[in-house]
C-alpha atoms as a PDB file:
ATOM      1  CA  MET A   1      19.356  34.412 -12.780  1.00  0.00           C
ATOM      2  CA  ASN A   2      17.027  36.444 -10.827  1.00  0.00           C
ATOM      3  CA  THR A   3      15.671  37.097  -8.176  1.00  0.00           C
ATOM      4  CA  LEU A   4      12.030  36.373  -8.883  1.00  0.00           C
ATOM      5  CA  LEU A   5      12.890  32.909 -10.994  1.00  0.00           C
ATOM      6  CA  GLN A   6      15.068  31.826  -8.392  1.00  0.00           C
ATOM      7  CA  ARG A   7      12.549  31.959  -5.772  1.00  0.00           C
ATOM      8  CA  THR A   8      10.491  30.395  -7.996  1.00  0.00           C
ATOM      9  CA  LEU A   9      12.298  27.604  -9.080  1.00  0.00           C
ATOM     10  CA  ALA A  10      12.503  26.830  -4.792  1.00  0.00           C
ATOM     11  CA  VAL A  11       9.201  27.036  -4.020  1.00  0.00           C
ATOM     12  CA  ALA A  12       8.612  24.625  -7.269  1.00  0.00           C
ATOM     13  CA  ILE A  13      11.116  22.137  -5.866  1.00  0.00           C
ATOM     14  CA  VAL A  14       9.300  22.011  -2.496  1.00  0.00           C
ATOM     15  CA  ALA A  15       6.155  21.461  -3.824  1.00  0.00           C
ATOM     16  CA  VAL A  16       6.943  19.124  -5.981  1.00  0.00           C
ATOM     17  CA  GLY A  17       8.965  16.926  -2.728  1.00  0.00           C
ATOM     18  CA  LEU A  18       5.923  18.403  -0.846  1.00  0.00           C
ATOM     19  CA  ALA A  19       3.411  16.529  -2.526  1.00  0.00           C
ATOM     20  CA  ALA A  20       5.172  12.354  -2.691  1.00  0.00           C
ATOM     21  CA  VAL A  21       5.355  13.164   1.599  1.00  0.00           C
ATOM     22  CA  PRO A  22       3.582  11.134   3.047  1.00  0.00           C
ATOM     23  CA  ALA A  23       0.697  12.579   5.368  1.00  0.00           C
ATOM     24  CA  ASN A  24       2.200  10.941   8.606  1.00  0.00           C
ATOM     25  CA  ALA A  25      -0.893  10.722   9.994  1.00  0.00           C
ATOM     26  CA  GLU A  26      -1.433   6.788   9.393  1.00  0.00           C
ATOM     27  CA  LEU A  27      -2.680   5.316  11.796  1.00  0.00           C
ATOM     28  CA  LYS A  28      -0.911   3.458  14.923  1.00  0.00           C
ATOM     29  CA  ALA A  29       0.145   0.048  16.400  1.00  0.00           C
ATOM     30  CA  GLY A  30      -2.479  -1.237  18.892  1.00  0.00           C
ATOM     31  CA  ALA A  31      -5.310   0.571  17.232  1.00  0.00           C
ATOM     32  CA  SER A  32      -8.366  -1.249  15.495  1.00  0.00           C
ATOM     33  CA  ALA A  33      -7.535  -1.551  11.768  1.00  0.00           C
ATOM     34  CA  PRO A  34     -10.712  -0.960   9.931  1.00  0.00           C
ATOM     35  CA  THR A  35     -12.688  -3.166   8.289  1.00  0.00           C
ATOM     36  CA  PHE A  36     -12.995  -2.870   4.348  1.00  0.00           C
ATOM     37  CA  LYS A  37     -14.691  -4.827   0.977  1.00  0.00           C
ATOM     38  CA  ALA A  38     -13.392  -3.841  -2.031  1.00  0.00           C
ATOM     39  CA  GLN A  39     -13.033  -4.779  -5.839  1.00  0.00           C
ATOM     40  CA  ALA A  40      -9.868  -6.882  -6.327  1.00  0.00           C
ATOM     41  CA  TYR A  41      -8.257  -8.582  -8.714  1.00  0.00           C
ATOM     42  CA  LEU A  42      -5.870 -12.054  -8.550  1.00  0.00           C
ATOM     43  CA  GLY A  43      -3.911 -13.447 -11.596  1.00  0.00           C
ATOM     44  CA  GLY A  44      -6.203 -10.730 -13.604  1.00  0.00           C
ATOM     45  CA  LYS A  45      -9.918 -12.468 -11.800  1.00  0.00           C
ATOM     46  CA  ALA A  46     -11.819 -10.085 -10.127  1.00  0.00           C
ATOM     47  CA  PHE A  47     -13.367 -10.643  -6.848  1.00  0.00           C
ATOM     48  CA  THR A  48     -14.401  -9.178  -3.601  1.00  0.00           C
ATOM     49  CA  PHE A  49     -11.892  -8.462  -1.571  1.00  0.00           C
ATOM     50  CA  ASN A  50     -12.768  -8.461   2.750  1.00  0.00           C
ATOM     51  CA  LEU A  51     -10.515  -7.794   5.578  1.00  0.00           C
ATOM     52  CA  ALA A  52     -12.702  -8.995   8.047  1.00  0.00           C
ATOM     53  CA  ASP A  53     -12.890 -12.787   6.127  1.00  0.00           C
ATOM     54  CA  ALA A  54      -8.840 -13.151   5.397  1.00  0.00           C
ATOM     55  CA  LEU A  55      -8.720 -11.957   8.681  1.00  0.00           C
ATOM     56  CA  LYS A  56     -10.200 -15.420   9.972  1.00  0.00           C
ATOM     57  CA  ARG A  57      -7.506 -16.442   7.951  1.00  0.00           C
ATOM     58  CA  GLY A  58      -4.518 -15.131   9.517  1.00  0.00           C
ATOM     59  CA  PRO A  59      -2.768 -12.053   9.633  1.00  0.00           C
ATOM     60  CA  VAL A  60      -3.278  -9.598   7.236  1.00  0.00           C
ATOM     61  CA  VAL A  61      -0.453  -7.380   5.107  1.00  0.00           C
ATOM     62  CA  VAL A  62      -2.208  -4.100   3.974  1.00  0.00           C
ATOM     63  CA  TYR A  63       0.194  -1.885   1.510  1.00  0.00           C
ATOM     64  CA  PHE A  64      -1.334   0.911   0.033  1.00  0.00           C
ATOM     65  CA  PHE A  65       0.298   1.736  -2.832  1.00  0.00           C
ATOM     66  CA  PRO A  66      -0.181   5.263  -4.748  1.00  0.00           C
ATOM     67  CA  ALA A  67      -0.789   3.682  -8.198  1.00  0.00           C
ATOM     68  CA  ALA A  68      -0.030   0.713 -10.514  1.00  0.00           C
ATOM     69  CA  TYR A  69       2.109   0.796 -12.923  1.00  0.00           C
ATOM     70  CA  THR A  70       4.376   4.406 -11.192  1.00  0.00           C
ATOM     71  CA  SER A  71       8.179   3.356 -10.778  1.00  0.00           C
ATOM     72  CA  GLY A  72       8.210   2.983  -6.590  1.00  0.00           C
ATOM     73  CA  CYS A  73       5.348   0.924  -6.393  1.00  0.00           C
ATOM     74  CA  ASN A  74       6.313  -1.965  -9.862  1.00  0.00           C
ATOM     75  CA  VAL A  75       9.200  -2.588  -7.294  1.00  0.00           C
ATOM     76  CA  GLU A  76       7.582  -2.796  -4.110  1.00  0.00           C
ATOM     77  CA  ALA A  77       4.624  -5.355  -6.223  1.00  0.00           C
ATOM     78  CA  HIS A  78       7.955  -7.238  -7.036  1.00  0.00           C
ATOM     79  CA  MET A  79       9.302  -7.324  -3.685  1.00  0.00           C
ATOM     80  CA  PHE A  80       6.032  -8.350  -3.025  1.00  0.00           C
ATOM     81  CA  SER A  81       5.626 -10.820  -5.521  1.00  0.00           C
ATOM     82  CA  GLU A  82       9.470 -12.019  -4.253  1.00  0.00           C
ATOM     83  CA  ALA A  83       8.479 -12.730  -0.826  1.00  0.00           C
ATOM     84  CA  ILE A  84       5.173 -13.869  -1.062  1.00  0.00           C
ATOM     85  CA  ASP A  85       6.574 -17.947  -0.082  1.00  0.00           C
ATOM     86  CA  GLN A  86       8.059 -16.110   3.528  1.00  0.00           C
ATOM     87  CA  PHE A  87       4.915 -13.829   4.517  1.00  0.00           C
ATOM     88  CA  LYS A  88       3.176 -17.788   3.970  1.00  0.00           C
ATOM     89  CA  THR A  89       5.102 -19.437   6.607  1.00  0.00           C
ATOM     90  CA  TYR A  90       3.314 -16.776   8.685  1.00  0.00           C
ATOM     91  CA  LYS A  91      -0.422 -17.865   7.455  1.00  0.00           C
ATOM     92  CA  ALA A  92      -0.294 -13.868   5.995  1.00  0.00           C
ATOM     93  CA  THR A  93      -2.152 -12.653   3.531  1.00  0.00           C
ATOM     94  CA  VAL A  94      -1.132  -9.520   1.320  1.00  0.00           C
ATOM     95  CA  ILE A  95      -3.187  -7.368  -0.594  1.00  0.00           C
ATOM     96  CA  GLY A  96      -1.888  -4.400  -1.911  1.00  0.00           C
ATOM     97  CA  VAL A  97      -4.618  -1.316  -2.012  1.00  0.00           C
ATOM     98  CA  THR A  98      -5.051   1.417  -4.435  1.00  0.00           C
ATOM     99  CA  ALA A  99      -6.592   4.637  -6.021  1.00  0.00           C
ATOM    100  CA  GLY A 100      -4.403   5.401  -8.985  1.00  0.00           C
ATOM    101  CA  ASN A 101      -5.067   3.399 -12.332  1.00  0.00           C
ATOM    102  CA  LEU A 102      -7.491   1.868 -11.187  1.00  0.00           C
ATOM    103  CA  ASP A 103      -8.421   0.690 -14.623  1.00  0.00           C
ATOM    104  CA  GLN A 104      -5.324  -1.293 -15.192  1.00  0.00           C
ATOM    105  CA  LEU A 105      -5.311  -3.644 -11.794  1.00  0.00           C
ATOM    106  CA  ALA A 106      -6.852  -6.706 -13.316  1.00  0.00           C
ATOM    107  CA  LYS A 107      -4.038  -6.569 -15.535  1.00  0.00           C
ATOM    108  CA  PHE A 108      -1.312  -4.961 -12.964  1.00  0.00           C
ATOM    109  CA  SER A 109      -2.404  -8.340 -10.326  1.00  0.00           C
ATOM    110  CA  ALA A 110      -1.202 -10.589 -13.213  1.00  0.00           C
ATOM    111  CA  ASP A 111       1.406  -8.994 -15.104  1.00  0.00           C
ATOM    112  CA  THR A 112       4.507 -11.295 -14.728  1.00  0.00           C
ATOM    113  CA  LYS A 113       7.018  -8.797 -13.629  1.00  0.00           C
ATOM    114  CA  LEU A 114       5.209  -7.623 -10.771  1.00  0.00           C
ATOM    115  CA  CYS A 115       2.235  -9.063  -8.956  1.00  0.00           C
ATOM    116  CA  SER A 116       2.517 -12.574 -10.759  1.00  0.00           C
ATOM    117  CA  GLY A 117      -0.574 -13.265  -9.716  1.00  0.00           C
ATOM    118  CA  LYS A 118       0.322 -13.992  -6.609  1.00  0.00           C
ATOM    119  CA  PHE A 119      -1.403 -11.879  -4.564  1.00  0.00           C
ATOM    120  CA  PRO A 120      -4.266  -9.623  -5.009  1.00  0.00           C
ATOM    121  CA  VAL A 121      -4.531  -5.724  -5.337  1.00  0.00           C
ATOM    122  CA  ALA A 122      -7.801  -4.054  -4.664  1.00  0.00           C
ATOM    123  CA  ALA A 123      -9.420  -1.111  -5.854  1.00  0.00           C
ATOM    124  CA  ASP A 124     -10.210   1.875  -3.667  1.00  0.00           C
ATOM    125  CA  PRO A 125     -11.982   4.737  -5.814  1.00  0.00           C
ATOM    126  CA  GLY A 126     -11.694   8.147  -4.309  1.00  0.00           C
ATOM    127  CA  ALA A 127      -9.247   6.651  -1.481  1.00  0.00           C
ATOM    128  CA  LYS A 128     -11.836   5.716   0.827  1.00  0.00           C
ATOM    129  CA  ILE A 129      -9.972   3.034   2.299  1.00  0.00           C
ATOM    130  CA  ALA A 130      -7.092   4.693   2.833  1.00  0.00           C
ATOM    131  CA  LYS A 131      -8.597   7.322   4.355  1.00  0.00           C
ATOM    132  CA  THR A 132      -9.822   4.737   7.340  1.00  0.00           C
ATOM    133  CA  TYR A 133      -6.885   4.106   7.142  1.00  0.00           C
ATOM    134  CA  ASP A 134      -5.470   7.777   6.989  1.00  0.00           C
ATOM    135  CA  ALA A 135      -2.680   6.511   4.759  1.00  0.00           C
ATOM    136  CA  LEU A 136      -3.215  10.185   1.922  1.00  0.00           C
ATOM    137  CA  LEU A 137      -0.747  11.359   0.446  1.00  0.00           C
ATOM    138  CA  ALA A 138       0.426  15.359   1.623  1.00  0.00           C
ATOM    139  CA  LEU A 139      -1.017  17.746  -1.786  1.00  0.00           C
ATOM    140  CA  LYS A 140      -2.018  14.554  -3.399  1.00  0.00           C
ATOM    141  CA  PRO A 141      -5.168  13.620  -1.100  1.00  0.00           C
ATOM    142  CA  GLY A 142      -6.987  11.193  -3.189  1.00  0.00           C
ATOM    143  CA  TRP A 143      -3.704   9.349  -3.984  1.00  0.00           C
ATOM    144  CA  SER A 144      -2.899   6.305  -0.962  1.00  0.00           C
ATOM    145  CA  SER A 145       0.411   7.083   0.160  1.00  0.00           C
ATOM    146  CA  ARG A 146       3.031   3.976   0.554  1.00  0.00           C
ATOM    147  CA  THR A 147       2.677   2.647   4.013  1.00  0.00           C
ATOM    148  CA  SER A 148       2.008  -0.734   5.025  1.00  0.00           C
ATOM    149  CA  TYR A 149       0.252  -2.464   7.648  1.00  0.00           C
ATOM    150  CA  VAL A 150       0.335  -5.765   9.625  1.00  0.00           C
ATOM    151  CA  ILE A 151      -2.872  -6.402  11.436  1.00  0.00           C
ATOM    152  CA  SER A 152      -3.115  -9.535  13.508  1.00  0.00           C
ATOM    153  CA  PRO A 153      -5.903 -12.141  13.719  1.00  0.00           C
ATOM    154  CA  SER A 154      -7.340 -10.350  16.388  1.00  0.00           C
ATOM    155  CA  GLY A 155      -8.071  -6.521  14.052  1.00  0.00           C
ATOM    156  CA  LYS A 156      -5.546  -4.436  15.730  1.00  0.00           C
ATOM    157  CA  ILE A 157      -2.680  -2.792  13.882  1.00  0.00           C
ATOM    158  CA  VAL A 158       0.950  -4.571  15.653  1.00  0.00           C
ATOM    159  CA  HIS A 159       3.009  -2.398  12.595  1.00  0.00           C
ATOM    160  CA  VAL A 160       3.391  -0.028  10.350  1.00  0.00           C
ATOM    161  CA  HIS A 161       5.670   0.988   7.860  1.00  0.00           C
ATOM    162  CA  SER A 162       5.759   4.679   5.767  1.00  0.00           C
ATOM    163  CA  GLU A 163       8.180   5.964   3.499  1.00  0.00           C
ATOM    164  CA  MET A 164       7.714   6.790   0.244  1.00  0.00           C
ATOM    165  CA  SER A 165      11.012   4.025  -0.655  1.00  0.00           C
ATOM    166  CA  PRO A 166       9.649   0.949  -1.450  1.00  0.00           C
ATOM    167  CA  ASN A 167      12.413  -0.598  -0.455  1.00  0.00           C
ATOM    168  CA  GLY A 168      12.271  -1.225   3.404  1.00  0.00           C
ATOM    169  CA  HIS A 169       8.321  -2.765   3.328  1.00  0.00           C
ATOM    170  CA  VAL A 170       8.804  -6.321   2.565  1.00  0.00           C
ATOM    171  CA  LYS A 171      11.349  -6.681   5.577  1.00  0.00           C
ATOM    172  CA  SER A 172       9.657  -4.455   7.787  1.00  0.00           C
ATOM    173  CA  THR A 173       6.351  -5.909   7.721  1.00  0.00           C
ATOM    174  CA  LEU A 174       8.060  -9.474   7.924  1.00  0.00           C
ATOM    175  CA  ASP A 175      10.121  -8.723  10.866  1.00  0.00           C
ATOM    176  CA  ALA A 176       6.684  -7.726  12.626  1.00  0.00           C
ATOM    177  CA  LEU A 177       5.446 -10.840  11.355  1.00  0.00           C
ATOM    178  CA  LYS A 178       8.276 -13.247  13.258  1.00  0.00           C
ATOM    179  CA  ALA A 179       8.005 -11.029  15.707  1.00  0.00           C
ATOM    180  CA  MET A 180       4.537 -12.111  16.540  1.00  0.00           C
END
């Protein structure tokens, strides 16, 4: 393989890898969680999610995900759905927030293989909410990263888990709720 082609391939591989990396500027534990209202869906039905109202009922897990109906996001939604009863034991509300594939969120929220109508997902047009949480993908700022926050009823962030693999988010947020 010639040197120019090798260099071009190496640059392309690095660029693709970086696009999947979170910006790593997420808000830290102890920070005040930005409040938000957003168009959301639960079991396919639209409503307005209000973080301030949800915090009156207990802690809130806000998990940002890049886009509905993408492989990692499907896995993560299914994992949160399977664990929803555990979250309820801590009186925690779970909400997924995304800027990607917004036209599919109603269907995504009701999909029996994913959310199963067990928790809402909210639309974040232009990733405005993700931006206030510093949860944007590097090299793709219009998309949210895969970052999960546990927010106490007082509005303080008590835990952050930011990793592109969907596998640790449920356990990490449940452990944080147990420790509260």
